[in-house]
Amino acid sequence: MERARAIVDGYTPLKVTLRQVMYRLAAEGVLPHAPPMYRQLSSQLAQARREDRFPDLIDTVREVHVPPA
């Protein structure tokens, strides 16, 4: 989580996508480049963003219509 935050902060004032963060983490060897890891990272960062513990990411493809229950 801390390395992901450092990556996002490193792009300030620009915003980055989850995919960019995942690729950087995989390139650095922090996480394996695998679909389960991407889904897990997505879930963890989404929860942290909902709790205001992680900066916002951009998503140019999807839009959330219903917040999680």
C-alpha atoms as a PDB file:
ATOM      1  CA  MET A   1       0.000   0.000   0.000  1.00  0.00           C
ATOM      2  CA  GLU A   2       2.788   2.425   0.888  1.00  0.00           C
ATOM      3  CA  ARG A   3       4.686   1.801  -2.358  1.00  0.00           C
ATOM      4  CA  ALA A   4       1.458   2.224  -4.336  1.00  0.00           C
ATOM      5  CA  ARG A   5       0.884   5.554  -2.582  1.00  0.00           C
ATOM      6  CA  ALA A   6       4.432   6.673  -3.382  1.00  0.00           C
ATOM      7  CA  ILE A   7       3.875   5.820  -7.054  1.00  0.00           C
ATOM      8  CA  VAL A   8       0.637   7.825  -7.188  1.00  0.00           C
ATOM      9  CA  ASP A   9       2.197  10.749  -5.311  1.00  0.00           C
ATOM     10  CA  GLY A  10       5.128  10.701  -7.728  1.00  0.00           C
ATOM     11  CA  TYR A  11       2.798  11.662 -10.575  1.00  0.00           C
ATOM     12  CA  THR A  12       1.373  14.722  -8.793  1.00  0.00           C
ATOM     13  CA  PRO A  13      -0.253  16.919 -10.057  1.00  0.00           C
ATOM     14  CA  LEU A  14      -1.301  14.309 -12.632  1.00  0.00           C
ATOM     15  CA  LYS A  15      -3.628  11.424 -11.796  1.00  0.00           C
ATOM     16  CA  VAL A  16      -2.876   7.802 -12.672  1.00  0.00           C
ATOM     17  CA  THR A  17      -4.900   4.676 -13.326  1.00  0.00           C
ATOM     18  CA  LEU A  18      -4.963   1.486 -11.319  1.00  0.00           C
ATOM     19  CA  ARG A  19      -3.362  -0.269 -14.289  1.00  0.00           C
ATOM     20  CA  GLN A  20      -0.412   2.175 -14.225  1.00  0.00           C
ATOM     21  CA  VAL A  21       0.106   1.518 -10.520  1.00  0.00           C
ATOM     22  CA  MET A  22      -0.096  -2.256 -11.066  1.00  0.00           C
ATOM     23  CA  TYR A  23       2.432  -2.162 -13.918  1.00  0.00           C
ATOM     24  CA  ARG A  24       4.864  -0.116 -11.853  1.00  0.00           C
ATOM     25  CA  LEU A  25       4.525  -2.470  -8.860  1.00  0.00           C
ATOM     26  CA  ALA A  26       5.030  -5.498 -11.112  1.00  0.00           C
ATOM     27  CA  ALA A  27       8.035  -3.922 -12.864  1.00  0.00           C
ATOM     28  CA  GLU A  28       9.625  -3.239  -9.472  1.00  0.00           C
ATOM     29  CA  GLY A  29       8.989  -6.819  -8.347  1.00  0.00           C
ATOM     30  CA  VAL A  30       6.695  -5.742  -5.521  1.00  0.00           C
ATOM     31  CA  LEU A  31       3.753  -7.757  -6.908  1.00  0.00           C
ATOM     32  CA  PRO A  32       3.591 -10.553  -9.466  1.00  0.00           C
ATOM     33  CA  HIS A  33       1.998  -9.556 -12.767  1.00  0.00           C
ATOM     34  CA  ALA A  34      -1.078 -11.791 -12.578  1.00  0.00           C
ATOM     35  CA  PRO A  35      -4.851 -11.225 -12.825  1.00  0.00           C
ATOM     36  CA  PRO A  36      -5.502 -12.322  -9.213  1.00  0.00           C
ATOM     37  CA  MET A  37      -2.977  -9.756  -7.967  1.00  0.00           C
ATOM     38  CA  TYR A  38      -4.582  -7.023 -10.084  1.00  0.00           C
ATOM     39  CA  ARG A  39      -8.012  -7.831  -8.629  1.00  0.00           C
ATOM     40  CA  GLN A  40      -6.631  -7.919  -5.100  1.00  0.00           C
ATOM     41  CA  LEU A  41      -4.840  -4.584  -5.562  1.00  0.00           C
ATOM     42  CA  SER A  42      -7.999  -3.098  -7.040  1.00  0.00           C
ATOM     43  CA  SER A  43     -10.069  -4.250  -4.078  1.00  0.00           C
ATOM     44  CA  GLN A  44      -7.586  -3.028  -1.478  1.00  0.00           C
ATOM     45  CA  LEU A  45      -7.065   0.378  -3.066  1.00  0.00           C
ATOM     46  CA  ALA A  46     -10.812   0.863  -3.632  1.00  0.00           C
ATOM     47  CA  GLN A  47     -11.466   0.185   0.051  1.00  0.00           C
ATOM     48  CA  ALA A  48      -8.658   2.540   1.081  1.00  0.00           C
ATOM     49  CA  ARG A  49     -10.037   5.262  -1.233  1.00  0.00           C
ATOM     50  CA  ARG A  50     -13.528   4.874   0.246  1.00  0.00           C
ATOM     51  CA  GLU A  51     -11.974   5.341   3.707  1.00  0.00           C
ATOM     52  CA  ASP A  52      -9.965   8.391   2.526  1.00  0.00           C
ATOM     53  CA  ARG A  53      -6.686   6.550   3.165  1.00  0.00           C
ATOM     54  CA  PHE A  54      -5.482   6.587  -0.451  1.00  0.00           C
ATOM     55  CA  PRO A  55      -5.472   9.225  -3.199  1.00  0.00           C
ATOM     56  CA  ASP A  56      -8.018   9.029  -6.009  1.00  0.00           C
ATOM     57  CA  LEU A  57      -7.135   7.250  -9.223  1.00  0.00           C
ATOM     58  CA  ILE A  58      -8.567   7.973 -12.633  1.00  0.00           C
ATOM     59  CA  ASP A  59     -10.690   5.475 -14.503  1.00  0.00           C
ATOM     60  CA  THR A  60     -11.347   6.320 -18.113  1.00  0.00           C
ATOM     61  CA  VAL A  61     -13.338   3.147 -18.778  1.00  0.00           C
ATOM     62  CA  ARG A  62     -15.750   2.450 -15.949  1.00  0.00           C
ATOM     63  CA  GLU A  63     -18.230   4.411 -13.928  1.00  0.00           C
ATOM     64  CA  VAL A  64     -19.602   3.351 -10.536  1.00  0.00           C
ATOM     65  CA  HIS A  65     -23.387   3.517 -10.594  1.00  0.00           C
ATOM     66  CA  VAL A  66     -24.121   1.807  -7.261  1.00  0.00           C
ATOM     67  CA  PRO A  67     -21.844   2.179  -4.243  1.00  0.00           C
ATOM     68  CA  PRO A  68     -20.874  -1.054  -2.444  1.00  0.00           C
ATOM     69  CA  ALA A  69     -23.360  -2.238   0.156  1.00  0.00           C
END
